[in-house]
């Protein structure tokens, strides 16, 4: 079963950025790991690095087969962004190898509205985006279990009005990070993927540093990438 995983803890390197929410597309040098809004994490035999060749991309790997550790890698864009019910994400990828279910997208939330009760909303789709119609599951990093009042395989929109243990609707929680993952569980085998852009779209938020923005008055900023919509999430 895919996406049953021990998510990597990011406490040592996750600096939540204060101030305005941000949205848009990061690509090329915008993906550089030295940028304050970017996060790279890996565990086990996984690796997550920025490669400056070909204009710049995030190179993610897992493996080899037989590695029984937490074998995952991710690249993430740090927010905060908008509320879950108003936010979508997508990414573009090249040079994929290994499991065709990889890579995938995920949102990072904090159930208490601050920095506690970390939650991951994880895409179960084979496409490279996370939208209202994407099948998902919600992993509670504090308990290591599925989050309360959620159902494996429901769509993101199904989640909006369901409530966390503190009574907060998931749809009203703020998306704090947008992740692109590879790797699911121990012994996943060798996989690679080069992430060339990540887009987070939210209603009424400011653009990401160095991102493309369209300046629409009603939506604040929506960045568009010229590919079909995809989905997929993982690694926190």
C-alpha atoms as a PDB file:
ATOM      1  CA  UNK A   1       0.000   0.000   0.000  1.00  0.00           C
ATOM      2  CA  UNK A   2       1.571   3.257  -1.074  1.00  0.00           C
ATOM      3  CA  UNK A   3       2.110   6.256   1.175  1.00  0.00           C
ATOM      4  CA  UNK A   4       2.250   4.500   4.514  1.00  0.00           C
ATOM      5  CA  UNK A   5       5.423   6.054   5.742  1.00  0.00           C
ATOM      6  CA  UNK A   6       7.505   7.330   8.593  1.00  0.00           C
ATOM      7  CA  UNK A   7       7.794  10.983   7.632  1.00  0.00           C
ATOM      8  CA  UNK A   8      11.102  12.679   8.169  1.00  0.00           C
ATOM      9  CA  UNK A   9      11.200  15.287  10.915  1.00  0.00           C
ATOM     10  CA  UNK A  10      12.243  18.688   9.633  1.00  0.00           C
ATOM     11  CA  UNK A  11      12.681  20.489  12.920  1.00  0.00           C
ATOM     12  CA  UNK A  12      16.345  21.284  12.439  1.00  0.00           C
ATOM     13  CA  UNK A  13      15.894  23.071   9.142  1.00  0.00           C
ATOM     14  CA  UNK A  14      12.321  24.305   8.960  1.00  0.00           C
ATOM     15  CA  UNK A  15      12.249  28.019   9.540  1.00  0.00           C
ATOM     16  CA  UNK A  16       8.690  29.226   9.131  1.00  0.00           C
ATOM     17  CA  UNK A  17       8.673  32.571   7.406  1.00  0.00           C
ATOM     18  CA  UNK A  18       6.657  35.328   8.999  1.00  0.00           C
ATOM     19  CA  UNK A  19       4.796  38.005   7.104  1.00  0.00           C
ATOM     20  CA  UNK A  20       2.618  37.873   4.041  1.00  0.00           C
ATOM     21  CA  UNK A  21       1.466  34.630   2.538  1.00  0.00           C
ATOM     22  CA  UNK A  22       3.109  33.794  -0.755  1.00  0.00           C
ATOM     23  CA  UNK A  23       2.140  32.012  -3.939  1.00  0.00           C
ATOM     24  CA  UNK A  24       3.414  31.504  -7.454  1.00  0.00           C
ATOM     25  CA  UNK A  25       5.905  29.339  -9.326  1.00  0.00           C
ATOM     26  CA  UNK A  26       9.498  28.692  -8.362  1.00  0.00           C
ATOM     27  CA  UNK A  27      11.792  27.308 -11.041  1.00  0.00           C
ATOM     28  CA  UNK A  28      15.410  27.463 -12.188  1.00  0.00           C
ATOM     29  CA  UNK A  29      17.563  29.373  -9.706  1.00  0.00           C
ATOM     30  CA  UNK A  30      14.435  29.925  -7.607  1.00  0.00           C
ATOM     31  CA  UNK A  31      14.813  26.268  -6.537  1.00  0.00           C
ATOM     32  CA  UNK A  32      18.300  26.873  -5.136  1.00  0.00           C
ATOM     33  CA  UNK A  33      18.635  25.270  -1.705  1.00  0.00           C
ATOM     34  CA  UNK A  34      20.266  28.452  -0.385  1.00  0.00           C
ATOM     35  CA  UNK A  35      17.031  30.424  -0.924  1.00  0.00           C
ATOM     36  CA  UNK A  36      15.203  31.117   2.333  1.00  0.00           C
ATOM     37  CA  UNK A  37      11.876  29.828   0.990  1.00  0.00           C
ATOM     38  CA  UNK A  38      13.237  26.418  -0.117  1.00  0.00           C
ATOM     39  CA  UNK A  39      13.595  23.210   1.902  1.00  0.00           C
ATOM     40  CA  UNK A  40      15.482  20.021   0.956  1.00  0.00           C
ATOM     41  CA  UNK A  41      15.287  16.871   3.120  1.00  0.00           C
ATOM     42  CA  UNK A  42      16.263  13.223   2.738  1.00  0.00           C
ATOM     43  CA  UNK A  43      16.434  10.099   4.893  1.00  0.00           C
ATOM     44  CA  UNK A  44      17.932   6.640   4.651  1.00  0.00           C
ATOM     45  CA  UNK A  45      19.643   6.265   1.280  1.00  0.00           C
ATOM     46  CA  UNK A  46      17.637   9.157  -0.114  1.00  0.00           C
ATOM     47  CA  UNK A  47      19.182  12.345  -1.438  1.00  0.00           C
ATOM     48  CA  UNK A  48      17.729  15.797  -2.166  1.00  0.00           C
ATOM     49  CA  UNK A  49      20.014  18.352  -3.825  1.00  0.00           C
ATOM     50  CA  UNK A  50      19.885  21.435  -6.020  1.00  0.00           C
ATOM     51  CA  UNK A  51      21.617  21.077  -9.405  1.00  0.00           C
ATOM     52  CA  UNK A  52      22.517  24.326 -11.144  1.00  0.00           C
ATOM     53  CA  UNK A  53      22.970  22.744 -14.584  1.00  0.00           C
ATOM     54  CA  UNK A  54      20.338  23.114 -17.325  1.00  0.00           C
ATOM     55  CA  UNK A  55      18.978  26.243 -15.692  1.00  0.00           C
ATOM     56  CA  UNK A  56      18.547  24.687 -12.236  1.00  0.00           C
ATOM     57  CA  UNK A  57      16.418  21.874 -10.797  1.00  0.00           C
ATOM     58  CA  UNK A  58      15.898  19.771  -7.668  1.00  0.00           C
ATOM     59  CA  UNK A  59      17.373  16.265  -7.946  1.00  0.00           C
ATOM     60  CA  UNK A  60      15.663  13.648  -5.755  1.00  0.00           C
ATOM     61  CA  UNK A  61      16.777  10.022  -5.333  1.00  0.00           C
ATOM     62  CA  UNK A  62      15.988   6.996  -3.154  1.00  0.00           C
ATOM     63  CA  UNK A  63      17.441   3.512  -2.932  1.00  0.00           C
ATOM     64  CA  UNK A  64      18.933   1.039  -3.259  1.00  0.00           C
ATOM     65  CA  UNK A  65      16.647  -1.956  -2.816  1.00  0.00           C
ATOM     66  CA  UNK A  66      17.360  -3.574   0.534  1.00  0.00           C
ATOM     67  CA  UNK A  67      17.642  -0.308   2.459  1.00  0.00           C
ATOM     68  CA  UNK A  68      15.200  -0.785   5.362  1.00  0.00           C
ATOM     69  CA  UNK A  69      15.538   2.730   6.738  1.00  0.00           C
ATOM     70  CA  UNK A  70      13.176   5.643   6.104  1.00  0.00           C
ATOM     71  CA  UNK A  71      14.034   6.024   2.446  1.00  0.00           C
ATOM     72  CA  UNK A  72      12.580   9.298   1.192  1.00  0.00           C
ATOM     73  CA  UNK A  73      13.562  12.644  -0.307  1.00  0.00           C
ATOM     74  CA  UNK A  74      11.718  15.904  -0.770  1.00  0.00           C
ATOM     75  CA  UNK A  75      11.956  19.444  -2.018  1.00  0.00           C
ATOM     76  CA  UNK A  76       9.568  21.961  -0.508  1.00  0.00           C
ATOM     77  CA  UNK A  77       8.476  25.558  -0.798  1.00  0.00           C
ATOM     78  CA  UNK A  78       7.968  27.323   2.531  1.00  0.00           C
ATOM     79  CA  UNK A  79       4.896  29.541   3.001  1.00  0.00           C
ATOM     80  CA  UNK A  80       2.659  30.418   4.638  1.00  0.00           C
ATOM     81  CA  UNK A  81       0.153  30.184   1.802  1.00  0.00           C
ATOM     82  CA  UNK A  82      -3.651  30.339   1.924  1.00  0.00           C
ATOM     83  CA  UNK A  83      -6.264  28.167   3.605  1.00  0.00           C
ATOM     84  CA  UNK A  84      -6.425  24.551   2.446  1.00  0.00           C
ATOM     85  CA  UNK A  85      -9.797  25.139   0.764  1.00  0.00           C
ATOM     86  CA  UNK A  86      -8.280  27.983  -1.305  1.00  0.00           C
ATOM     87  CA  UNK A  87      -4.914  26.418  -2.190  1.00  0.00           C
ATOM     88  CA  UNK A  88      -3.675  24.045  -4.888  1.00  0.00           C
ATOM     89  CA  UNK A  89      -0.216  23.015  -6.025  1.00  0.00           C
ATOM     90  CA  UNK A  90       1.451  21.369  -9.015  1.00  0.00           C
ATOM     91  CA  UNK A  91       4.954  20.626 -10.217  1.00  0.00           C
ATOM     92  CA  UNK A  92       6.870  19.689 -13.354  1.00  0.00           C
ATOM     93  CA  UNK A  93       9.314  16.799 -13.483  1.00  0.00           C
ATOM     94  CA  UNK A  94      11.850  15.294 -15.889  1.00  0.00           C
ATOM     95  CA  UNK A  95      14.169  12.266 -15.863  1.00  0.00           C
ATOM     96  CA  UNK A  96      11.859  10.064 -13.816  1.00  0.00           C
ATOM     97  CA  UNK A  97      12.969   6.505 -13.193  1.00  0.00           C
ATOM     98  CA  UNK A  98      11.758   3.724 -10.926  1.00  0.00           C
ATOM     99  CA  UNK A  99       8.243   3.479  -9.494  1.00  0.00           C
ATOM    100  CA  UNK A 100       5.732   5.293 -11.753  1.00  0.00           C
ATOM    101  CA  UNK A 101       3.806   6.347  -8.631  1.00  0.00           C
ATOM    102  CA  UNK A 102       6.590   8.802  -7.854  1.00  0.00           C
ATOM    103  CA  UNK A 103       6.939  11.710  -7.333  1.00  0.00           C
ATOM    104  CA  UNK A 104       3.878  13.122  -5.552  1.00  0.00           C
ATOM    105  CA  UNK A 105       2.692  16.328  -3.829  1.00  0.00           C
ATOM    106  CA  UNK A 106       1.781  17.143  -0.226  1.00  0.00           C
ATOM    107  CA  UNK A 107       0.716  20.064   1.960  1.00  0.00           C
ATOM    108  CA  UNK A 108       2.201  20.616   5.418  1.00  0.00           C
ATOM    109  CA  UNK A 109      -0.220  22.012   8.025  1.00  0.00           C
ATOM    110  CA  UNK A 110      -0.100  22.670  11.753  1.00  0.00           C
ATOM    111  CA  UNK A 111      -3.291  21.616  13.478  1.00  0.00           C
ATOM    112  CA  UNK A 112      -2.900  24.009  16.402  1.00  0.00           C
ATOM    113  CA  UNK A 113      -2.516  27.045  14.124  1.00  0.00           C
ATOM    114  CA  UNK A 114       1.082  27.554  15.273  1.00  0.00           C
ATOM    115  CA  UNK A 115       3.929  25.075  15.004  1.00  0.00           C
ATOM    116  CA  UNK A 116       2.361  22.100  16.811  1.00  0.00           C
ATOM    117  CA  UNK A 117       0.280  19.117  15.669  1.00  0.00           C
ATOM    118  CA  UNK A 118       2.035  18.764  12.284  1.00  0.00           C
ATOM    119  CA  UNK A 119      -0.121  17.211   9.568  1.00  0.00           C
ATOM    120  CA  UNK A 120       0.600  16.091   6.015  1.00  0.00           C
ATOM    121  CA  UNK A 121      -2.128  16.121   3.361  1.00  0.00           C
ATOM    122  CA  UNK A 122      -0.744  13.606   0.872  1.00  0.00           C
ATOM    123  CA  UNK A 123      -1.821  13.011  -2.700  1.00  0.00           C
ATOM    124  CA  UNK A 124      -2.680   9.452  -3.696  1.00  0.00           C
ATOM    125  CA  UNK A 125      -2.841  10.316  -7.387  1.00  0.00           C
ATOM    126  CA  UNK A 126      -0.371   9.466 -10.135  1.00  0.00           C
ATOM    127  CA  UNK A 127      -0.479  12.999 -11.510  1.00  0.00           C
ATOM    128  CA  UNK A 128       1.693  15.878 -10.361  1.00  0.00           C
ATOM    129  CA  UNK A 129      -0.694  18.205  -8.567  1.00  0.00           C
ATOM    130  CA  UNK A 130      -2.839  18.541  -5.471  1.00  0.00           C
ATOM    131  CA  UNK A 131      -6.267  20.053  -6.142  1.00  0.00           C
ATOM    132  CA  UNK A 132      -9.824  19.822  -4.813  1.00  0.00           C
ATOM    133  CA  UNK A 133     -10.476  16.579  -6.742  1.00  0.00           C
ATOM    134  CA  UNK A 134      -7.252  14.807  -5.788  1.00  0.00           C
ATOM    135  CA  UNK A 135      -7.622  11.631  -3.667  1.00  0.00           C
ATOM    136  CA  UNK A 136      -5.627  12.122  -0.483  1.00  0.00           C
ATOM    137  CA  UNK A 137      -4.925  10.881   3.004  1.00  0.00           C
ATOM    138  CA  UNK A 138      -3.916  12.914   6.055  1.00  0.00           C
ATOM    139  CA  UNK A 139      -1.017  11.764   8.214  1.00  0.00           C
ATOM    140  CA  UNK A 140      -0.656  13.060  11.778  1.00  0.00           C
ATOM    141  CA  UNK A 141       3.071  13.323  12.435  1.00  0.00           C
ATOM    142  CA  UNK A 142       2.543  13.609  16.187  1.00  0.00           C
ATOM    143  CA  UNK A 143       0.734  10.274  16.519  1.00  0.00           C
ATOM    144  CA  UNK A 144       2.075   8.406  13.485  1.00  0.00           C
ATOM    145  CA  UNK A 145      -1.529   7.616  12.534  1.00  0.00           C
ATOM    146  CA  UNK A 146      -4.169   8.850  10.132  1.00  0.00           C
ATOM    147  CA  UNK A 147      -5.514  12.188  11.333  1.00  0.00           C
ATOM    148  CA  UNK A 148      -8.846  12.163  13.174  1.00  0.00           C
ATOM    149  CA  UNK A 149     -12.068  12.448  11.153  1.00  0.00           C
ATOM    150  CA  UNK A 150     -10.311  11.743   7.856  1.00  0.00           C
ATOM    151  CA  UNK A 151     -10.771   8.875   5.410  1.00  0.00           C
ATOM    152  CA  UNK A 152      -8.068   7.320   3.251  1.00  0.00           C
ATOM    153  CA  UNK A 153      -8.814   8.023  -0.426  1.00  0.00           C
ATOM    154  CA  UNK A 154     -11.266  10.890   0.051  1.00  0.00           C
ATOM    155  CA  UNK A 155     -10.725  13.961  -2.118  1.00  0.00           C
ATOM    156  CA  UNK A 156      -9.188  17.167  -0.879  1.00  0.00           C
ATOM    157  CA  UNK A 157     -12.574  18.897  -1.093  1.00  0.00           C
ATOM    158  CA  UNK A 158     -14.104  16.139   1.077  1.00  0.00           C
ATOM    159  CA  UNK A 159     -11.639  17.170   3.762  1.00  0.00           C
ATOM    160  CA  UNK A 160     -12.549  20.866   3.892  1.00  0.00           C
ATOM    161  CA  UNK A 161     -15.326  20.740   6.483  1.00  0.00           C
ATOM    162  CA  UNK A 162     -14.084  17.796   8.508  1.00  0.00           C
ATOM    163  CA  UNK A 163     -12.606  18.784  11.858  1.00  0.00           C
ATOM    164  CA  UNK A 164      -9.352  18.094  13.637  1.00  0.00           C
ATOM    165  CA  UNK A 165      -9.350  17.067  17.293  1.00  0.00           C
ATOM    166  CA  UNK A 166      -9.349  20.711  18.411  1.00  0.00           C
ATOM    167  CA  UNK A 167     -12.497  21.486  16.393  1.00  0.00           C
ATOM    168  CA  UNK A 168     -10.736  23.378  13.586  1.00  0.00           C
ATOM    169  CA  UNK A 169     -11.928  22.535  10.082  1.00  0.00           C
ATOM    170  CA  UNK A 170      -9.102  21.180   7.944  1.00  0.00           C
ATOM    171  CA  UNK A 171     -10.171  23.467   5.112  1.00  0.00           C
ATOM    172  CA  UNK A 172      -9.578  26.512   7.319  1.00  0.00           C
ATOM    173  CA  UNK A 173      -6.029  25.510   8.262  1.00  0.00           C
ATOM    174  CA  UNK A 174      -3.194  27.401   6.568  1.00  0.00           C
ATOM    175  CA  UNK A 175      -0.955  25.550   4.109  1.00  0.00           C
ATOM    176  CA  UNK A 176       2.512  26.168   5.542  1.00  0.00           C
ATOM    177  CA  UNK A 177       4.561  24.266   2.946  1.00  0.00           C
ATOM    178  CA  UNK A 178       4.140  22.628  -0.429  1.00  0.00           C
ATOM    179  CA  UNK A 179       6.216  19.452  -0.839  1.00  0.00           C
ATOM    180  CA  UNK A 180       7.259  17.214  -3.726  1.00  0.00           C
ATOM    181  CA  UNK A 181       8.274  13.733  -2.496  1.00  0.00           C
ATOM    182  CA  UNK A 182       9.746  10.501  -3.719  1.00  0.00           C
ATOM    183  CA  UNK A 183       9.894   7.347  -1.599  1.00  0.00           C
ATOM    184  CA  UNK A 184       7.158   5.731   0.465  1.00  0.00           C
ATOM    185  CA  UNK A 185       8.485   3.235   2.976  1.00  0.00           C
ATOM    186  CA  UNK A 186      11.439   1.010   3.778  1.00  0.00           C
ATOM    187  CA  UNK A 187      12.993  -0.897   0.866  1.00  0.00           C
ATOM    188  CA  UNK A 188      11.401   1.250  -1.825  1.00  0.00           C
ATOM    189  CA  UNK A 189      14.216   0.651  -4.283  1.00  0.00           C
ATOM    190  CA  UNK A 190      16.071   3.153  -6.418  1.00  0.00           C
ATOM    191  CA  UNK A 191      14.070   6.039  -7.843  1.00  0.00           C
ATOM    192  CA  UNK A 192      15.094   9.406  -9.267  1.00  0.00           C
ATOM    193  CA  UNK A 193      13.264  12.530 -10.369  1.00  0.00           C
ATOM    194  CA  UNK A 194      14.324  16.039 -11.350  1.00  0.00           C
ATOM    195  CA  UNK A 195      11.819  18.696 -10.258  1.00  0.00           C
ATOM    196  CA  UNK A 196      11.985  21.704 -12.577  1.00  0.00           C
ATOM    197  CA  UNK A 197       9.203  23.854 -11.095  1.00  0.00           C
ATOM    198  CA  UNK A 198       6.779  23.984  -8.177  1.00  0.00           C
ATOM    199  CA  UNK A 199       3.609  26.066  -8.269  1.00  0.00           C
ATOM    200  CA  UNK A 200       1.435  26.924  -5.283  1.00  0.00           C
ATOM    201  CA  UNK A 201      -1.793  28.796  -6.084  1.00  0.00           C
ATOM    202  CA  UNK A 202      -3.716  30.517  -3.307  1.00  0.00           C
ATOM    203  CA  UNK A 203      -6.451  33.117  -3.255  1.00  0.00           C
ATOM    204  CA  UNK A 204      -5.356  36.602  -2.140  1.00  0.00           C
ATOM    205  CA  UNK A 205      -1.738  35.970  -1.284  1.00  0.00           C
ATOM    206  CA  UNK A 206       1.516  37.709  -2.152  1.00  0.00           C
ATOM    207  CA  UNK A 207       3.924  36.157  -4.715  1.00  0.00           C
ATOM    208  CA  UNK A 208       6.804  33.910  -3.746  1.00  0.00           C
ATOM    209  CA  UNK A 209      10.238  35.555  -3.925  1.00  0.00           C
ATOM    210  CA  UNK A 210      11.474  35.285  -7.512  1.00  0.00           C
ATOM    211  CA  UNK A 211       8.266  33.661  -8.705  1.00  0.00           C
ATOM    212  CA  UNK A 212       6.135  34.412 -11.725  1.00  0.00           C
ATOM    213  CA  UNK A 213       2.913  36.197 -10.816  1.00  0.00           C
ATOM    214  CA  UNK A 214      -0.038  37.309 -12.875  1.00  0.00           C
ATOM    215  CA  UNK A 215      -1.301  40.237 -10.813  1.00  0.00           C
ATOM    216  CA  UNK A 216      -4.989  39.444 -10.951  1.00  0.00           C
ATOM    217  CA  UNK A 217      -6.871  41.778  -8.622  1.00  0.00           C
ATOM    218  CA  UNK A 218      -9.433  39.210  -7.552  1.00  0.00           C
ATOM    219  CA  UNK A 219      -7.071  36.297  -6.975  1.00  0.00           C
ATOM    220  CA  UNK A 220      -4.020  38.224  -5.837  1.00  0.00           C
ATOM    221  CA  UNK A 221      -1.610  35.952  -7.613  1.00  0.00           C
ATOM    222  CA  UNK A 222      -1.973  32.784  -9.608  1.00  0.00           C
ATOM    223  CA  UNK A 223       1.065  31.362 -11.331  1.00  0.00           C
ATOM    224  CA  UNK A 224       0.423  29.148 -14.306  1.00  0.00           C
ATOM    225  CA  UNK A 225       2.614  26.404 -15.703  1.00  0.00           C
ATOM    226  CA  UNK A 226       1.958  25.170 -19.208  1.00  0.00           C
ATOM    227  CA  UNK A 227       1.423  21.525 -18.435  1.00  0.00           C
ATOM    228  CA  UNK A 228      -1.551  19.348 -17.669  1.00  0.00           C
ATOM    229  CA  UNK A 229      -2.446  19.208 -14.001  1.00  0.00           C
ATOM    230  CA  UNK A 230      -0.753  16.588 -11.941  1.00  0.00           C
ATOM    231  CA  UNK A 231      -0.730  15.377  -8.321  1.00  0.00           C
ATOM    232  CA  UNK A 232       1.319  13.676  -5.634  1.00  0.00           C
ATOM    233  CA  UNK A 233       2.769  14.262  -2.061  1.00  0.00           C
ATOM    234  CA  UNK A 234       5.227  12.960   0.618  1.00  0.00           C
ATOM    235  CA  UNK A 235       8.244  13.680   3.119  1.00  0.00           C
ATOM    236  CA  UNK A 236       7.851  16.339   5.782  1.00  0.00           C
END
